[in-house]
Amino acid sequence: MGARSTTTAVEIFGSVYYVRGSGNDGDSLRQLAGIVDGKMREVAEQVSTVDTAKLAVLTALNLADELNRCQKLQEGERDEVREKVRQLTTELEQVLQE
């Protein structure tokens, strides 16, 4: 049986949105909405527009940039881990051959 869908009210930049999620996602959805609201308010302080659609697009671009930087950092860390595993594997093989 599939997860039950629930609706959670969240407030972003002064507007209330009803967001549907599965199971008990209410707290998670409120946390995500808080992040979007905070970023939107941060962007609003830096630009002169009062057009909420433009603010939303600029906020989305800012969040996409943060996500992109995090993904690149994470990929770099994965590469470092892979290289370390290769080094340790080589060392272990050398020790086992002695």
N, C-alpha and C. Protein backbone atom coordinates (compact mmCIF):
# COMPACT_ATOMS: atom_id res chain seq x y z
N MET A 1 0.85 -1.17 0.00
CA MET A 1 0.00 0.00 0.00
C MET A 1 0.89 1.24 0.00
N GLY A 2 0.63 2.24 -0.82
CA GLY A 2 1.45 3.44 -0.96
C GLY A 2 1.36 4.35 0.25
N ALA A 3 2.30 5.27 0.33
CA ALA A 3 2.31 6.22 1.43
C ALA A 3 1.13 7.18 1.31
N ARG A 4 0.58 7.53 2.45
CA ARG A 4 -0.56 8.43 2.49
C ARG A 4 -0.11 9.85 2.21
N SER A 5 -0.84 10.56 1.37
CA SER A 5 -0.52 11.93 1.01
C SER A 5 -1.13 12.89 2.04
N THR A 6 -0.31 13.85 2.50
CA THR A 6 -0.81 14.85 3.43
C THR A 6 -0.52 16.23 2.88
N THR A 7 -1.30 17.21 3.31
CA THR A 7 -1.11 18.59 2.89
C THR A 7 -0.64 19.41 4.08
N THR A 8 0.40 20.21 3.85
CA THR A 8 0.98 21.04 4.90
C THR A 8 0.95 22.49 4.46
N ALA A 9 0.50 23.37 5.34
CA ALA A 9 0.51 24.81 5.05
C ALA A 9 1.89 25.35 5.40
N VAL A 10 2.50 26.05 4.46
CA VAL A 10 3.79 26.69 4.71
C VAL A 10 3.69 28.15 4.28
N GLU A 11 4.48 29.00 4.93
CA GLU A 11 4.48 30.41 4.56
C GLU A 11 5.84 30.77 3.99
N ILE A 12 5.80 31.37 2.81
CA ILE A 12 7.02 31.81 2.14
C ILE A 12 6.81 33.25 1.69
N PHE A 13 7.64 34.13 2.20
CA PHE A 13 7.63 35.55 1.82
C PHE A 13 6.24 36.16 1.95
N GLY A 14 5.57 35.82 3.05
CA GLY A 14 4.26 36.42 3.35
C GLY A 14 3.06 35.76 2.71
N SER A 15 3.28 34.73 1.91
CA SER A 15 2.16 34.02 1.29
C SER A 15 2.10 32.59 1.82
N VAL A 16 0.90 32.09 1.99
CA VAL A 16 0.71 30.73 2.47
C VAL A 16 0.49 29.81 1.28
N TYR A 17 1.21 28.70 1.29
CA TYR A 17 1.08 27.68 0.24
C TYR A 17 0.72 26.36 0.90
N TYR A 18 -0.10 25.60 0.23
CA TYR A 18 -0.49 24.29 0.72
C TYR A 18 0.25 23.26 -0.13
N VAL A 19 1.17 22.58 0.51
CA VAL A 19 2.07 21.67 -0.20
C VAL A 19 1.73 20.25 0.18
N ARG A 20 1.59 19.40 -0.83
CA ARG A 20 1.27 18.01 -0.59
C ARG A 20 2.54 17.18 -0.56
N GLY A 21 2.62 16.28 0.40
CA GLY A 21 3.76 15.38 0.52
C GLY A 21 3.28 14.03 0.99
N SER A 22 4.19 13.07 0.97
CA SER A 22 3.82 11.73 1.40
C SER A 22 4.17 11.53 2.87
N GLY A 23 3.33 10.79 3.56
CA GLY A 23 3.61 10.44 4.96
C GLY A 23 3.63 11.65 5.87
N ASN A 24 4.61 11.66 6.76
CA ASN A 24 4.73 12.72 7.75
C ASN A 24 5.79 13.72 7.36
N ASP A 25 5.70 14.26 6.15
CA ASP A 25 6.69 15.20 5.65
C ASP A 25 6.47 16.62 6.14
N GLY A 26 5.46 16.87 6.96
CA GLY A 26 5.11 18.22 7.38
C GLY A 26 6.28 19.00 7.95
N ASP A 27 7.02 18.41 8.88
CA ASP A 27 8.16 19.11 9.47
C ASP A 27 9.24 19.39 8.43
N SER A 28 9.48 18.42 7.59
CA SER A 28 10.49 18.59 6.54
C SER A 28 10.07 19.68 5.55
N LEU A 29 8.81 19.68 5.17
CA LEU A 29 8.31 20.70 4.25
C LEU A 29 8.39 22.09 4.87
N ARG A 30 8.07 22.20 6.16
CA ARG A 30 8.17 23.49 6.84
C ARG A 30 9.62 23.95 6.92
N GLN A 31 10.53 23.02 7.14
CA GLN A 31 11.95 23.36 7.19
C GLN A 31 12.42 23.86 5.81
N LEU A 32 12.05 23.16 4.75
CA LEU A 32 12.41 23.59 3.40
C LEU A 32 11.81 24.95 3.07
N ALA A 33 10.55 25.14 3.44
CA ALA A 33 9.90 26.44 3.20
C ALA A 33 10.63 27.54 3.96
N GLY A 34 11.12 27.24 5.15
CA GLY A 34 11.88 28.22 5.92
C GLY A 34 13.17 28.61 5.22
N ILE A 35 13.82 27.64 4.60
CA ILE A 35 15.04 27.92 3.84
C ILE A 35 14.72 28.82 2.65
N VAL A 36 13.67 28.48 1.91
CA VAL A 36 13.28 29.29 0.75
C VAL A 36 12.87 30.69 1.20
N ASP A 37 12.10 30.78 2.27
CA ASP A 37 11.67 32.08 2.78
C ASP A 37 12.89 32.93 3.17
N GLY A 38 13.82 32.33 3.88
CA GLY A 38 15.02 33.06 4.30
C GLY A 38 15.84 33.54 3.12
N LYS A 39 16.01 32.66 2.12
CA LYS A 39 16.79 33.03 0.94
C LYS A 39 16.06 34.12 0.15
N MET A 40 14.75 34.02 0.07
CA MET A 40 13.98 35.02 -0.68
C MET A 40 14.10 36.38 0.01
N ARG A 41 14.05 36.41 1.31
CA ARG A 41 14.20 37.67 2.05
C ARG A 41 15.62 38.22 1.89
N GLU A 42 16.59 37.34 1.87
CA GLU A 42 17.98 37.76 1.66
C GLU A 42 18.15 38.40 0.28
N VAL A 43 17.58 37.77 -0.74
CA VAL A 43 17.66 38.30 -2.10
C VAL A 43 16.91 39.63 -2.18
N ALA A 44 15.75 39.72 -1.54
CA ALA A 44 14.94 40.94 -1.57
C ALA A 44 15.70 42.14 -1.01
N GLU A 45 16.58 41.89 -0.03
CA GLU A 45 17.37 42.98 0.55
C GLU A 45 18.44 43.49 -0.42
N GLN A 46 18.80 42.67 -1.41
CA GLN A 46 19.90 43.00 -2.31
C GLN A 46 19.45 43.56 -3.65
N VAL A 47 18.16 43.51 -3.94
CA VAL A 47 17.67 44.00 -5.24
C VAL A 47 16.61 45.06 -5.02
N SER A 48 16.32 45.81 -6.08
CA SER A 48 15.36 46.90 -5.94
C SER A 48 13.94 46.51 -6.37
N THR A 49 13.76 45.33 -6.95
CA THR A 49 12.44 44.94 -7.45
C THR A 49 11.51 44.53 -6.30
N VAL A 50 10.24 44.79 -6.48
CA VAL A 50 9.23 44.32 -5.53
C VAL A 50 8.36 43.24 -6.18
N ASP A 51 8.71 42.88 -7.40
CA ASP A 51 7.99 41.84 -8.14
C ASP A 51 8.36 40.48 -7.54
N THR A 52 7.38 39.86 -6.87
CA THR A 52 7.68 38.60 -6.18
C THR A 52 8.04 37.47 -7.16
N ALA A 53 7.52 37.51 -8.37
CA ALA A 53 7.90 36.48 -9.36
C ALA A 53 9.38 36.60 -9.70
N LYS A 54 9.86 37.84 -9.89
CA LYS A 54 11.28 38.03 -10.17
C LYS A 54 12.13 37.63 -8.97
N LEU A 55 11.66 37.98 -7.77
CA LEU A 55 12.38 37.57 -6.56
C LEU A 55 12.45 36.05 -6.45
N ALA A 56 11.36 35.39 -6.81
CA ALA A 56 11.32 33.93 -6.74
C ALA A 56 12.32 33.32 -7.73
N VAL A 57 12.41 33.89 -8.93
CA VAL A 57 13.36 33.38 -9.93
C VAL A 57 14.79 33.62 -9.45
N LEU A 58 15.07 34.82 -8.94
CA LEU A 58 16.42 35.11 -8.43
C LEU A 58 16.76 34.19 -7.26
N THR A 59 15.79 33.93 -6.41
CA THR A 59 15.99 33.02 -5.28
C THR A 59 16.28 31.61 -5.79
N ALA A 60 15.52 31.17 -6.78
CA ALA A 60 15.75 29.84 -7.35
C ALA A 60 17.16 29.74 -7.95
N LEU A 61 17.60 30.79 -8.62
CA LEU A 61 18.96 30.80 -9.18
C LEU A 61 20.01 30.74 -8.08
N ASN A 62 19.80 31.47 -7.01
CA ASN A 62 20.72 31.44 -5.88
C ASN A 62 20.79 30.05 -5.26
N LEU A 63 19.64 29.45 -5.04
CA LEU A 63 19.60 28.10 -4.45
C LEU A 63 20.21 27.07 -5.40
N ALA A 64 19.97 27.22 -6.71
CA ALA A 64 20.57 26.31 -7.69
C ALA A 64 22.09 26.44 -7.68
N ASP A 65 22.58 27.67 -7.55
CA ASP A 65 24.03 27.89 -7.47
C ASP A 65 24.61 27.22 -6.24
N GLU A 66 23.94 27.38 -5.09
CA GLU A 66 24.42 26.72 -3.87
C GLU A 66 24.43 25.21 -4.03
N LEU A 67 23.38 24.66 -4.61
CA LEU A 67 23.30 23.22 -4.83
C LEU A 67 24.42 22.76 -5.75
N ASN A 68 24.65 23.50 -6.83
CA ASN A 68 25.69 23.15 -7.78
C ASN A 68 27.07 23.13 -7.12
N ARG A 69 27.35 24.17 -6.30
CA ARG A 69 28.65 24.22 -5.61
C ARG A 69 28.79 23.06 -4.63
N CYS A 70 27.71 22.72 -3.93
CA CYS A 70 27.75 21.59 -2.99
C CYS A 70 27.99 20.28 -3.71
N GLN A 71 27.34 20.11 -4.86
CA GLN A 71 27.51 18.88 -5.64
C GLN A 71 28.94 18.74 -6.15
N LYS A 72 29.53 19.85 -6.61
CA LYS A 72 30.91 19.82 -7.09
C LYS A 72 31.86 19.50 -5.94
N LEU A 73 31.63 20.10 -4.79
CA LEU A 73 32.46 19.82 -3.62
C LEU A 73 32.34 18.36 -3.22
N GLN A 74 31.13 17.85 -3.22
CA GLN A 74 30.89 16.46 -2.85
C GLN A 74 31.57 15.51 -3.83
N GLU A 75 31.51 15.83 -5.12
CA GLU A 75 32.15 14.98 -6.13
C GLU A 75 33.66 14.99 -5.93
N GLY A 76 34.23 16.16 -5.61
CA GLY A 76 35.65 16.25 -5.34
C GLY A 76 36.04 15.40 -4.14
N GLU A 77 35.21 15.42 -3.11
CA GLU A 77 35.47 14.61 -1.92
C GLU A 77 35.38 13.13 -2.25
N ARG A 78 34.41 12.74 -3.09
CA ARG A 78 34.30 11.33 -3.51
C ARG A 78 35.55 10.91 -4.26
N ASP A 79 36.05 11.78 -5.14
CA ASP A 79 37.28 11.47 -5.88
C ASP A 79 38.44 11.26 -4.93
N GLU A 80 38.54 12.12 -3.91
CA GLU A 80 39.61 11.98 -2.92
C GLU A 80 39.50 10.66 -2.17
N VAL A 81 38.28 10.28 -1.80
CA VAL A 81 38.06 9.02 -1.09
C VAL A 81 38.45 7.84 -1.98
N ARG A 82 38.04 7.89 -3.25
CA ARG A 82 38.40 6.80 -4.18
C ARG A 82 39.92 6.66 -4.30
N GLU A 83 40.60 7.80 -4.43
CA GLU A 83 42.06 7.78 -4.55
C GLU A 83 42.69 7.22 -3.29
N LYS A 84 42.20 7.60 -2.14
CA LYS A 84 42.74 7.09 -0.87
C LYS A 84 42.52 5.59 -0.76
N VAL A 85 41.34 5.12 -1.18
CA VAL A 85 41.05 3.67 -1.16
C VAL A 85 42.02 2.94 -2.09
N ARG A 86 42.29 3.52 -3.27
CA ARG A 86 43.25 2.89 -4.20
C ARG A 86 44.64 2.80 -3.56
N GLN A 87 45.07 3.88 -2.92
CA GLN A 87 46.37 3.89 -2.27
C GLN A 87 46.45 2.84 -1.17
N LEU A 88 45.43 2.78 -0.34
CA LEU A 88 45.42 1.83 0.76
C LEU A 88 45.35 0.40 0.25
N THR A 89 44.60 0.18 -0.83
CA THR A 89 44.51 -1.15 -1.42
C THR A 89 45.88 -1.58 -1.95
N THR A 90 46.57 -0.68 -2.61
CA THR A 90 47.91 -0.98 -3.13
C THR A 90 48.86 -1.31 -1.98
N GLU A 91 48.83 -0.50 -0.94
CA GLU A 91 49.70 -0.76 0.22
C GLU A 91 49.37 -2.09 0.86
N LEU A 92 48.09 -2.38 1.00
CA LEU A 92 47.67 -3.65 1.61
C LEU A 92 48.12 -4.83 0.76
N GLU A 93 47.98 -4.74 -0.55
CA GLU A 93 48.43 -5.82 -1.44
C GLU A 93 49.92 -6.04 -1.32
N GLN A 94 50.69 -4.94 -1.21
CA GLN A 94 52.14 -5.05 -1.06
C GLN A 94 52.50 -5.74 0.25
N VAL A 95 51.83 -5.39 1.32
CA VAL A 95 52.12 -5.99 2.61
C VAL A 95 51.75 -7.48 2.61
N LEU A 96 50.64 -7.81 1.98
CA LEU A 96 50.20 -9.20 1.94
C LEU A 96 51.10 -10.08 1.08
N GLN A 97 51.79 -9.48 0.11
CA GLN A 97 52.68 -10.25 -0.77
C GLN A 97 54.03 -10.52 -0.10
N GLU A 98 54.34 -9.81 0.98
CA GLU A 98 55.64 -9.99 1.65
C GLU A 98 55.70 -11.28 2.42
